[in-house]
Amino acid sequence: MTRRLLVEADGGSRGNPGPAGYGAVVRDAVTGEVLVERAAGIGRATNNVAEYGGLIAGLSAALELGPAEVEVRMDSKLVVEQMSGRWEVKHPSMQPLAAQASALVRQIGRVRFSWIPRAQNGHADRLANEAMDAAAKGQVWRPGGDSGPADGADAWLAAHEPTASLSAPVPNRLSGWMDPGAAPTTTLLLRHGQTELSVQKRFSGVGDQALTEVGRAQAAAAASRLAASGAVAVVSSPLRRAQQTAAVVAGALGLDVAVEQGLRETDFGDWEGYTFAEVREKWPRELTAWLADPAVAPPFGESFADTASRVRQARDRVLAAYGGDVAVLVSHVTPIKMLLRFALDAPPHAIYRMHLDLACLAEVQWFADGAAVVRSMNDTAHLPETL
């Protein structure tokens, strides 16, 4: 007879996003005996990211125990419905998590998902809360002296925003005073040129706007400025306005354009193409909630918290690919603000305190020890006054 296992998983965040953690329990389905406990504080994340962390940890633990039929029980309606295939996984930051969990399901073979009330998920909930307590203190916590989560959970932790700063504090760096030890990776962050929506000050997210004539001239001015930058790569958002800007820069540098999906603009959903005043008139409550909480998304859009998660992953891929070199990143207002926020170790609301003009440049140096230095931002010295 095939062994039957129960996986109970949970995750949470104090602040959504905020200090987050997950917990998972694997039981013998017949006797109820607890076979494995897994938990970890994962730093700053959203509830949904933490819930997927618990699922991945629980599935990984069940896989380690050998062949079995597995029932997963969670109080997250979202995760259960997505993993059961009844709900689409829309947010880009959630798609790799769902894919990783699905890969574990395929390895196990026979897995079904059940929703249970929170009151029936107390063991996993307790572990998740203890892990959140550790995350709030900047620590990684795991129950019972366990050496850590299974490989699947380790891969999840390595791939997501919260864990980069958990192992040790990032040291202060006095730019220009200290011996850097190893050459930093320099990113030259270029906002795309003008489009019709930017002229009219309308929400411009994932809509594929082209550059105006002025926008093309701005791209040419930026390319002239960057021709002597020593950049070894031009990496662009997949959206047309960024790619058109990047193509001009790459031509001046004699390089090809590499596309990085994580550098695309935030998806503003139903607000695409509207002015701020129009959105305030048509969606007043939704706009107020969006301005108050980075985890809130526009209707059918993407939250700034989810944007931050994918931009951080994109940054890590760029640093891995071009370590010690100079790379031009052509992107949009929100992703560039996120990169500056990460470099400054600033809180999420800091993005509301930054202004970036069209075709402006920012320079950030990323050091191997985890520190970063912003050397300039909103630099428009290369743009003639007529642009």
Protein backbone atom coordinates (compact mmCIF):
# COMPACT_ATOMS: atom_id res chain seq x y z
CA MET A 1 0.00 0.00 0.00
CA THR A 2 1.30 3.46 -0.92
CA ARG A 3 2.17 5.61 2.04
CA ARG A 4 -0.09 8.63 2.58
CA LEU A 5 1.20 11.96 3.87
CA LEU A 6 -0.43 15.21 4.94
CA VAL A 7 1.36 18.50 4.35
CA GLU A 8 0.07 21.46 6.35
CA ALA A 9 1.64 24.77 5.32
CA ASP A 10 1.23 28.43 6.13
CA GLY A 11 3.03 31.72 5.81
CA GLY A 12 2.48 35.29 6.78
CA SER A 13 3.80 38.81 6.89
CA ARG A 14 3.48 41.52 9.50
CA GLY A 15 2.71 44.48 7.32
CA ASN A 16 2.18 42.74 3.95
CA PRO A 17 4.89 43.35 2.98
CA GLY A 18 6.82 43.19 6.22
CA PRO A 19 8.79 40.74 8.36
CA ALA A 20 7.68 37.37 6.98
CA GLY A 21 8.03 33.69 7.67
CA TYR A 22 6.60 30.32 6.79
CA GLY A 23 5.90 27.03 8.51
CA ALA A 24 5.22 23.53 7.22
CA VAL A 25 4.38 20.21 8.89
CA VAL A 26 4.42 16.75 7.30
CA ARG A 27 2.29 14.10 9.05
CA ASP A 28 1.54 10.46 8.55
CA ALA A 29 -2.01 10.61 7.18
CA VAL A 30 -3.08 7.48 9.07
CA THR A 31 -1.60 8.02 12.52
CA GLY A 32 -1.29 11.82 12.51
CA GLU A 33 2.34 11.53 13.66
CA VAL A 34 4.46 14.58 12.92
CA LEU A 35 7.31 13.42 10.69
CA VAL A 36 8.94 16.72 9.72
CA GLU A 37 8.69 20.38 10.73
CA ARG A 38 10.09 23.11 8.55
CA ALA A 39 10.10 26.88 9.05
CA ALA A 40 12.15 29.94 8.24
CA GLY A 41 12.04 33.68 8.72
CA ILE A 42 12.54 35.17 5.26
CA GLY A 43 12.96 38.86 5.94
CA ARG A 44 10.59 41.27 4.19
CA ALA A 45 7.94 39.73 1.94
CA THR A 46 4.20 39.61 1.27
CA ASN A 47 1.73 37.12 2.71
CA ASN A 48 1.41 35.28 -0.59
CA VAL A 49 5.15 34.92 -1.07
CA ALA A 50 5.46 33.53 2.46
CA GLU A 51 2.56 31.11 1.89
CA TYR A 52 4.25 29.75 -1.20
CA GLY A 53 7.43 29.41 0.83
CA GLY A 54 5.59 27.17 3.29
CA LEU A 55 4.15 25.11 0.46
CA ILE A 56 7.53 24.62 -1.21
CA ALA A 57 9.16 23.67 2.11
CA GLY A 58 6.39 21.15 2.88
CA LEU A 59 6.47 19.56 -0.58
CA SER A 60 10.26 19.34 -0.44
CA ALA A 61 10.09 17.59 2.93
CA ALA A 62 7.44 15.15 1.67
CA LEU A 63 9.59 14.35 -1.35
CA GLU A 64 12.55 13.56 0.89
CA LEU A 65 10.46 11.00 2.80
CA GLY A 66 10.07 8.83 -0.29
CA PRO A 67 7.18 7.68 -2.49
CA ALA A 68 3.78 8.67 -1.12
CA GLU A 69 0.38 10.08 -1.91
CA VAL A 70 0.28 13.63 -0.55
CA GLU A 71 -2.59 15.84 0.50
CA VAL A 72 -1.68 19.49 0.99
CA ARG A 73 -3.87 21.45 3.39
CA MET A 74 -3.63 25.23 3.54
CA ASP A 75 -5.83 28.11 4.68
CA SER A 76 -4.69 30.20 1.71
CA LYS A 77 -7.51 30.14 -0.83
CA LEU A 78 -5.25 31.82 -3.38
CA VAL A 79 -2.49 29.20 -3.25
CA VAL A 80 -4.89 26.25 -3.15
CA GLU A 81 -6.88 27.51 -6.14
CA GLN A 82 -3.77 28.39 -8.15
CA MET A 83 -2.08 25.06 -7.47
CA SER A 84 -5.31 23.22 -8.30
CA GLY A 85 -5.33 24.95 -11.68
CA ARG A 86 -8.62 26.76 -11.16
CA TRP A 87 -7.14 30.24 -10.81
CA GLU A 88 -4.55 31.78 -13.09
CA VAL A 89 -1.22 32.90 -11.62
CA LYS A 90 -1.18 36.48 -12.92
CA HIS A 91 1.44 38.34 -10.91
CA PRO A 92 4.94 37.95 -12.38
CA SER A 93 6.47 37.64 -8.90
CA MET A 94 4.19 34.68 -8.10
CA GLN A 95 4.76 32.78 -11.33
CA PRO A 96 8.23 31.38 -10.49
CA LEU A 97 6.95 30.29 -7.06
CA ALA A 98 4.00 28.45 -8.57
CA ALA A 99 6.31 26.91 -11.17
CA GLN A 100 8.70 25.66 -8.49
CA ALA A 101 5.86 24.19 -6.44
CA SER A 102 4.42 22.55 -9.57
CA ALA A 103 7.78 20.98 -10.35
CA LEU A 104 7.82 19.42 -6.87
CA VAL A 105 4.25 18.16 -7.40
CA ARG A 106 5.33 16.44 -10.62
CA GLN A 107 8.23 14.76 -8.82
CA ILE A 108 5.96 13.48 -6.07
CA GLY A 109 3.37 12.26 -8.55
CA ARG A 110 0.07 12.12 -6.64
CA VAL A 111 -0.78 15.38 -4.86
CA ARG A 112 -4.10 17.00 -4.13
CA PHE A 113 -4.83 20.36 -2.50
CA SER A 114 -7.48 21.14 0.10
CA TRP A 115 -8.50 24.42 1.69
CA ILE A 116 -9.00 24.35 5.48
CA PRO A 117 -10.03 27.07 7.94
CA ARG A 118 -7.17 28.81 9.74
CA ALA A 119 -8.29 27.22 13.02
CA GLN A 120 -7.46 23.81 11.58
CA ASN A 121 -4.00 24.87 10.47
CA GLY A 122 -2.70 25.79 13.91
CA HIS A 123 0.60 23.87 13.88
CA ALA A 124 1.88 25.40 10.64
CA ASP A 125 0.50 28.80 11.66
CA ARG A 126 2.44 28.65 14.95
CA LEU A 127 5.67 27.81 13.16
CA ALA A 128 5.11 30.62 10.66
CA ASN A 129 4.51 33.13 13.45
CA GLU A 130 7.65 32.09 15.31
CA ALA A 131 9.55 32.46 12.04
CA MET A 132 8.04 35.92 11.55
CA ASP A 133 9.28 36.89 15.02
CA ALA A 134 12.78 35.92 13.91
CA ALA A 135 12.40 37.80 10.63
CA ALA A 136 11.41 40.93 12.53
CA LYS A 137 14.79 40.69 14.29
CA GLY A 138 16.65 40.21 11.01
CA GLN A 139 17.37 36.56 11.75
CA VAL A 140 16.86 33.27 9.98
CA TRP A 141 14.99 30.87 12.28
CA ARG A 142 14.25 27.18 11.90
CA PRO A 143 12.48 24.88 14.35
CA GLY A 144 13.83 22.06 16.46
CA GLY A 145 17.48 22.53 15.60
CA ASP A 146 16.77 21.58 11.98
CA SER A 147 19.73 22.48 9.78
CA GLY A 148 17.48 24.26 7.33
CA PRO A 149 14.76 23.80 4.75
CA ALA A 150 14.99 21.23 2.00
CA ASP A 151 16.74 21.99 -1.28
CA GLY A 152 13.55 23.24 -2.91
CA ALA A 153 12.99 25.76 -0.15
CA ASP A 154 16.64 26.78 -0.21
CA ALA A 155 16.29 27.54 -3.91
CA TRP A 156 13.16 29.56 -3.19
CA LEU A 157 14.92 31.51 -0.45
CA ALA A 158 17.89 32.23 -2.69
CA ALA A 159 15.67 33.51 -5.48
CA HIS A 160 13.53 35.99 -3.59
CA GLU A 161 13.89 39.45 -2.21
CA PRO A 162 13.78 38.95 1.56
CA THR A 163 16.81 36.74 2.13
CA ALA A 164 19.65 38.78 0.72
CA SER A 165 20.21 40.70 3.95
CA LEU A 166 19.49 38.00 6.53
CA SER A 167 22.87 36.42 7.17
CA ALA A 168 24.76 39.52 8.32
CA PRO A 169 24.35 43.28 8.39
CA VAL A 170 25.53 45.09 5.28
CA PRO A 171 28.66 47.04 6.22
CA ASN A 172 28.80 50.78 5.82
CA ARG A 173 30.96 51.97 2.96
CA LEU A 174 32.51 55.43 2.82
CA SER A 175 32.65 56.03 -0.92
CA GLY A 176 36.07 57.23 -2.01
CA TRP A 177 37.69 56.58 1.40
CA MET A 178 37.83 52.82 1.58
CA ASP A 179 39.77 50.28 -0.43
CA PRO A 180 36.97 48.52 -2.31
CA GLY A 181 38.81 45.17 -2.33
CA ALA A 182 37.15 44.14 -5.59
CA ALA A 183 35.89 46.31 -8.43
CA PRO A 184 32.22 47.15 -8.00
CA THR A 185 29.60 46.49 -10.64
CA THR A 186 28.42 49.83 -12.01
CA THR A 187 24.90 50.20 -13.34
CA LEU A 188 24.05 53.27 -15.38
CA LEU A 189 20.28 53.57 -15.09
CA LEU A 190 18.65 55.32 -18.04
CA ARG A 191 14.96 56.20 -18.18
CA HIS A 192 13.47 55.92 -21.66
CA GLY A 193 12.67 58.98 -23.76
CA GLN A 194 9.41 60.81 -24.22
CA THR A 195 6.15 59.12 -25.37
CA GLU A 196 2.72 60.57 -26.04
CA LEU A 197 1.47 59.37 -22.65
CA SER A 198 4.38 60.98 -20.82
CA VAL A 199 3.67 64.29 -22.57
CA GLN A 200 0.09 64.11 -21.28
CA LYS A 201 1.19 62.87 -17.83
CA ARG A 202 -0.88 59.69 -18.05
CA PHE A 203 -0.32 56.35 -16.34
CA SER A 204 1.97 54.41 -18.65
CA GLY A 205 2.66 50.86 -17.52
CA VAL A 206 2.93 47.80 -19.73
CA GLY A 207 1.21 49.46 -22.71
CA ASP A 208 3.64 49.42 -25.65
CA GLN A 209 4.08 53.12 -26.34
CA ALA A 210 6.60 54.28 -28.92
CA LEU A 211 8.98 57.20 -28.56
CA THR A 212 7.99 60.57 -29.96
CA GLU A 213 10.37 62.57 -32.12
CA VAL A 214 11.52 64.36 -28.96
CA GLY A 215 11.96 60.97 -27.27
CA ARG A 216 14.23 59.77 -30.08
CA ALA A 217 16.30 62.94 -29.77
CA GLN A 218 16.57 62.36 -26.02
CA ALA A 219 17.76 58.81 -26.66
CA ALA A 220 20.39 60.12 -29.06
CA ALA A 221 21.62 62.64 -26.48
CA ALA A 222 21.88 59.92 -23.86
CA ALA A 223 23.73 57.68 -26.31
CA SER A 224 26.26 60.43 -26.99
CA ARG A 225 26.80 60.85 -23.24
CA LEU A 226 27.24 57.10 -22.69
CA ALA A 227 29.49 56.43 -25.69
CA ALA A 228 32.59 56.81 -23.52
CA SER A 229 31.15 55.08 -20.44
CA GLY A 230 33.06 51.84 -20.93
CA ALA A 231 29.84 49.86 -20.65
CA VAL A 232 30.09 46.22 -21.71
CA ALA A 233 26.34 45.64 -21.92
CA VAL A 234 23.05 47.40 -22.62
CA VAL A 235 20.16 45.71 -20.83
CA SER A 236 16.62 46.84 -21.56
CA SER A 237 13.05 46.45 -20.41
CA PRO A 238 11.04 44.50 -23.00
CA LEU A 239 8.67 47.44 -23.59
CA ARG A 240 8.99 49.29 -26.90
CA ARG A 241 9.80 52.75 -25.54
CA ALA A 242 12.71 51.32 -23.54
CA GLN A 243 13.92 49.09 -26.35
CA GLN A 244 13.89 52.00 -28.81
CA THR A 245 15.97 54.04 -26.36
CA ALA A 246 18.31 51.11 -25.70
CA ALA A 247 18.86 50.47 -29.42
CA VAL A 248 20.21 53.98 -29.92
CA VAL A 249 22.53 53.64 -26.92
CA ALA A 250 23.70 50.19 -27.98
CA GLY A 251 24.46 51.51 -31.46
CA ALA A 252 26.72 54.19 -30.01
CA LEU A 253 28.53 51.58 -27.90
CA GLY A 254 28.75 48.94 -30.61
CA LEU A 255 26.78 46.46 -28.49
CA ASP A 256 23.65 44.36 -28.78
CA VAL A 257 20.63 44.89 -26.53
CA ALA A 258 19.90 42.23 -23.92
CA VAL A 259 16.28 42.09 -22.75
CA GLU A 260 15.49 41.70 -19.03
CA GLN A 261 11.81 41.09 -18.33
CA GLY A 262 12.15 42.20 -14.72
CA LEU A 263 12.96 45.77 -15.77
CA ARG A 264 9.51 46.44 -17.29
CA GLU A 265 7.30 49.12 -15.81
CA THR A 266 4.64 48.40 -13.20
CA ASP A 267 1.36 47.15 -14.65
CA PHE A 268 -1.16 49.86 -13.77
CA GLY A 269 -4.10 47.71 -14.85
CA ASP A 270 -7.33 49.61 -15.42
CA TRP A 271 -5.56 52.93 -14.85
CA GLU A 272 -3.40 52.62 -17.99
CA GLY A 273 -3.77 55.74 -20.12
CA TYR A 274 -5.62 57.81 -17.51
CA THR A 275 -4.33 60.94 -15.80
CA PHE A 276 -3.96 61.03 -12.04
CA ALA A 277 -6.96 63.36 -11.80
CA GLU A 278 -9.07 61.01 -13.89
CA VAL A 279 -8.11 58.04 -11.73
CA ARG A 280 -8.91 60.01 -8.58
CA GLU A 281 -12.37 60.81 -9.96
CA LYS A 282 -13.16 57.30 -11.21
CA TRP A 283 -11.44 55.13 -8.56
CA PRO A 284 -11.14 57.34 -5.43
CA ARG A 285 -11.11 54.56 -2.82
CA GLU A 286 -8.77 52.36 -4.85
CA LEU A 287 -6.35 55.25 -5.40
CA THR A 288 -6.31 56.13 -1.69
CA ALA A 289 -5.55 52.51 -0.77
CA TRP A 290 -2.84 52.31 -3.45
CA LEU A 291 -1.10 55.44 -2.21
CA ALA A 292 -1.23 54.20 1.39
CA ASP A 293 0.16 50.69 0.92
CA PRO A 294 2.78 49.41 -1.58
CA ALA A 295 1.17 45.94 -1.38
CA VAL A 296 -2.09 47.26 -2.90
CA ALA A 297 -2.41 46.97 -6.67
CA PRO A 298 -4.52 49.06 -9.05
CA PRO A 299 -7.57 47.17 -10.33
CA PHE A 300 -6.26 44.28 -12.43
CA GLY A 301 -2.73 45.64 -12.06
CA GLU A 302 0.47 45.04 -10.13
CA SER A 303 1.45 46.35 -6.70
CA PHE A 304 4.69 48.20 -6.05
CA ALA A 305 5.61 45.39 -3.66
CA ASP A 306 5.42 42.86 -6.48
CA THR A 307 7.35 45.21 -8.75
CA ALA A 308 10.07 45.48 -6.10
CA SER A 309 10.39 41.71 -5.86
CA ARG A 310 10.91 41.14 -9.58
CA VAL A 311 13.20 44.19 -9.95
CA ARG A 312 15.41 42.89 -7.15
CA GLN A 313 15.66 39.55 -8.92
CA ALA A 314 16.48 41.31 -12.20
CA ARG A 315 19.20 43.31 -10.45
CA ASP A 316 20.71 40.13 -9.06
CA ARG A 317 20.78 38.56 -12.53
CA VAL A 318 22.50 41.65 -13.94
CA LEU A 319 25.10 41.67 -11.16
CA ALA A 320 25.79 37.97 -11.71
CA ALA A 321 26.18 38.46 -15.46
CA TYR A 322 28.31 41.61 -15.44
CA GLY A 323 30.12 41.51 -12.10
CA GLY A 324 32.92 44.06 -11.89
CA ASP A 325 31.93 45.74 -15.17
CA VAL A 326 29.74 48.63 -16.31
CA ALA A 327 26.23 47.96 -17.64
CA VAL A 328 23.61 50.37 -18.96
CA LEU A 329 20.09 49.48 -17.80
CA VAL A 330 17.31 51.11 -19.81
CA SER A 331 14.05 51.05 -17.91
CA HIS A 332 11.18 53.10 -16.49
CA VAL A 333 10.39 55.35 -13.54
CA THR A 334 9.30 52.70 -11.05
CA PRO A 335 12.01 50.07 -11.62
CA ILE A 336 14.74 52.71 -11.54
CA LYS A 337 13.33 54.14 -8.31
CA MET A 338 13.29 50.62 -6.87
CA LEU A 339 16.95 50.09 -7.76
CA LEU A 340 17.87 53.40 -6.14
CA ARG A 341 15.85 52.45 -3.06
CA PHE A 342 17.64 49.11 -2.78
CA ALA A 343 21.02 50.81 -3.11
CA LEU A 344 20.12 53.33 -0.41
CA ASP A 345 18.57 50.63 1.81
CA ALA A 346 15.55 52.95 1.99
CA PRO A 347 12.00 52.00 3.00
CA PRO A 348 9.31 51.37 0.35
CA HIS A 349 7.72 54.82 0.71
CA ALA A 350 11.03 56.39 -0.39
CA ILE A 351 9.96 55.94 -4.01
CA TYR A 352 7.39 58.70 -3.45
CA ARG A 353 10.26 61.06 -2.52
CA MET A 354 12.17 60.68 -5.80
CA HIS A 355 11.72 62.51 -9.11
CA LEU A 356 13.10 61.15 -12.38
CA ASP A 357 12.90 63.13 -15.61
CA LEU A 358 12.60 61.56 -19.04
CA ALA A 359 15.92 60.21 -20.36
CA CYS A 360 17.68 60.97 -17.07
CA LEU A 361 20.65 58.96 -15.82
CA ALA A 362 21.50 57.53 -12.42
CA GLU A 363 24.69 55.73 -11.44
CA VAL A 364 24.91 53.04 -8.77
CA GLN A 365 27.93 51.00 -7.72
CA TRP A 366 27.23 47.57 -6.21
CA PHE A 367 30.02 46.04 -4.13
CA ALA A 368 30.66 42.34 -3.63
CA ASP A 369 30.17 42.63 0.15
CA GLY A 370 26.56 43.72 -0.37
CA ALA A 371 26.96 47.46 0.07
CA ALA A 372 26.01 49.92 -2.65
CA VAL A 373 26.70 53.57 -3.40
CA VAL A 374 24.49 55.95 -5.38
CA ARG A 375 26.85 58.26 -7.22
CA SER A 376 24.22 60.30 -9.07
CA MET A 377 20.51 60.39 -9.89
CA ASN A 378 18.18 62.32 -12.19
CA ASP A 379 21.19 63.53 -14.16
CA THR A 380 19.99 65.37 -17.27
CA ALA A 381 23.19 67.29 -18.10
CA HIS A 382 23.31 65.58 -21.52
CA LEU A 383 19.88 66.91 -22.56
CA PRO A 384 19.70 70.28 -24.37
CA GLU A 385 17.15 72.68 -22.89
CA THR A 386 15.01 72.21 -26.00
CA LEU A 387 14.51 68.56 -25.01
